[in-house]
Amino acid sequence: MDPMPSKPTRSPRGVERPVAMRLLPDERGELERIADKEVRSAASMARIIFLRGLAHYRQDSASA
């Protein structure tokens, strides 16, 4: 009998230390709605949004 396959992860290897982030209730609700729409966890969606924002931040910082 084959062992059960492991659950796929959405984070790349090496992503292991969580960072707490405080959100207002409306912000949390929006995050959860977006995550549900994309069939992701709230943490996975928050990471994606962070990475997109980080790229934008770096681009703005480079042009300043």
Protein backbone atom coordinates (compact mmCIF):
# COMPACT_ATOMS: atom_id res chain seq x y z
CA MET A 1 0.00 0.00 0.00
CA ASP A 2 1.34 3.44 -0.96
CA PRO A 3 1.77 6.00 1.82
CA MET A 4 -0.55 8.96 1.63
CA PRO A 5 0.90 11.76 -0.47
CA SER A 6 1.95 14.78 1.49
CA LYS A 7 -0.18 17.88 1.26
CA PRO A 8 1.28 20.32 -1.26
CA THR A 9 2.64 23.51 0.18
CA ARG A 10 2.22 26.94 -1.33
CA SER A 11 5.41 28.39 0.10
CA PRO A 12 8.85 27.67 -1.31
CA ARG A 13 11.30 25.61 0.71
CA GLY A 14 12.96 27.55 3.47
CA VAL A 15 9.89 29.60 4.36
CA GLU A 16 9.45 28.63 7.97
CA ARG A 17 9.41 31.58 10.34
CA PRO A 18 5.98 33.20 10.62
CA VAL A 19 5.61 36.95 11.03
CA ALA A 20 2.59 38.27 12.89
CA MET A 21 0.76 41.11 11.20
CA ARG A 22 -2.05 43.10 12.75
CA LEU A 23 -4.97 43.96 10.49
CA LEU A 24 -8.14 45.89 11.06
CA PRO A 25 -11.30 43.75 10.87
CA ASP A 26 -12.17 45.15 7.42
CA GLU A 27 -8.64 44.42 6.16
CA ARG A 28 -8.78 40.88 7.52
CA GLY A 29 -12.17 40.35 5.93
CA GLU A 30 -10.88 41.52 2.55
CA LEU A 31 -7.81 39.29 2.85
CA GLU A 32 -10.01 36.29 3.62
CA ARG A 33 -12.38 37.06 0.72
CA ILE A 34 -9.46 37.28 -1.71
CA ALA A 35 -7.92 34.09 -0.30
CA ASP A 36 -11.23 32.21 -0.61
CA LYS A 37 -11.64 33.42 -4.20
CA GLU A 38 -8.16 32.11 -5.08
CA VAL A 39 -8.55 28.94 -2.97
CA ARG A 40 -5.63 29.81 -0.72
CA SER A 41 -5.10 30.18 2.98
CA ALA A 42 -5.10 33.69 4.43
CA ALA A 43 -1.41 33.30 5.27
CA SER A 44 -0.54 32.25 1.72
CA MET A 45 -2.52 35.17 0.28
CA ALA A 46 -0.92 37.62 2.73
CA ARG A 47 2.53 36.44 1.59
CA ILE A 48 1.63 36.92 -2.08
CA ILE A 49 0.29 40.41 -1.41
CA PHE A 50 3.41 41.23 0.63
CA LEU A 51 5.73 40.07 -2.17
CA ARG A 52 3.84 42.14 -4.75
CA GLY A 53 3.97 45.17 -2.45
CA LEU A 54 7.67 44.59 -1.79
CA ALA A 55 8.41 44.61 -5.52
CA HIS A 56 6.48 47.87 -5.87
CA TYR A 57 8.28 49.36 -2.86
CA ARG A 58 11.69 48.43 -4.29
CA GLN A 59 10.79 49.92 -7.67
CA ASP A 60 9.67 53.18 -6.03
CA SER A 61 12.78 53.30 -3.84
CA ALA A 62 15.09 52.78 -6.82
CA SER A 63 13.55 55.68 -8.72
CA ALA A 64 13.70 58.09 -5.77
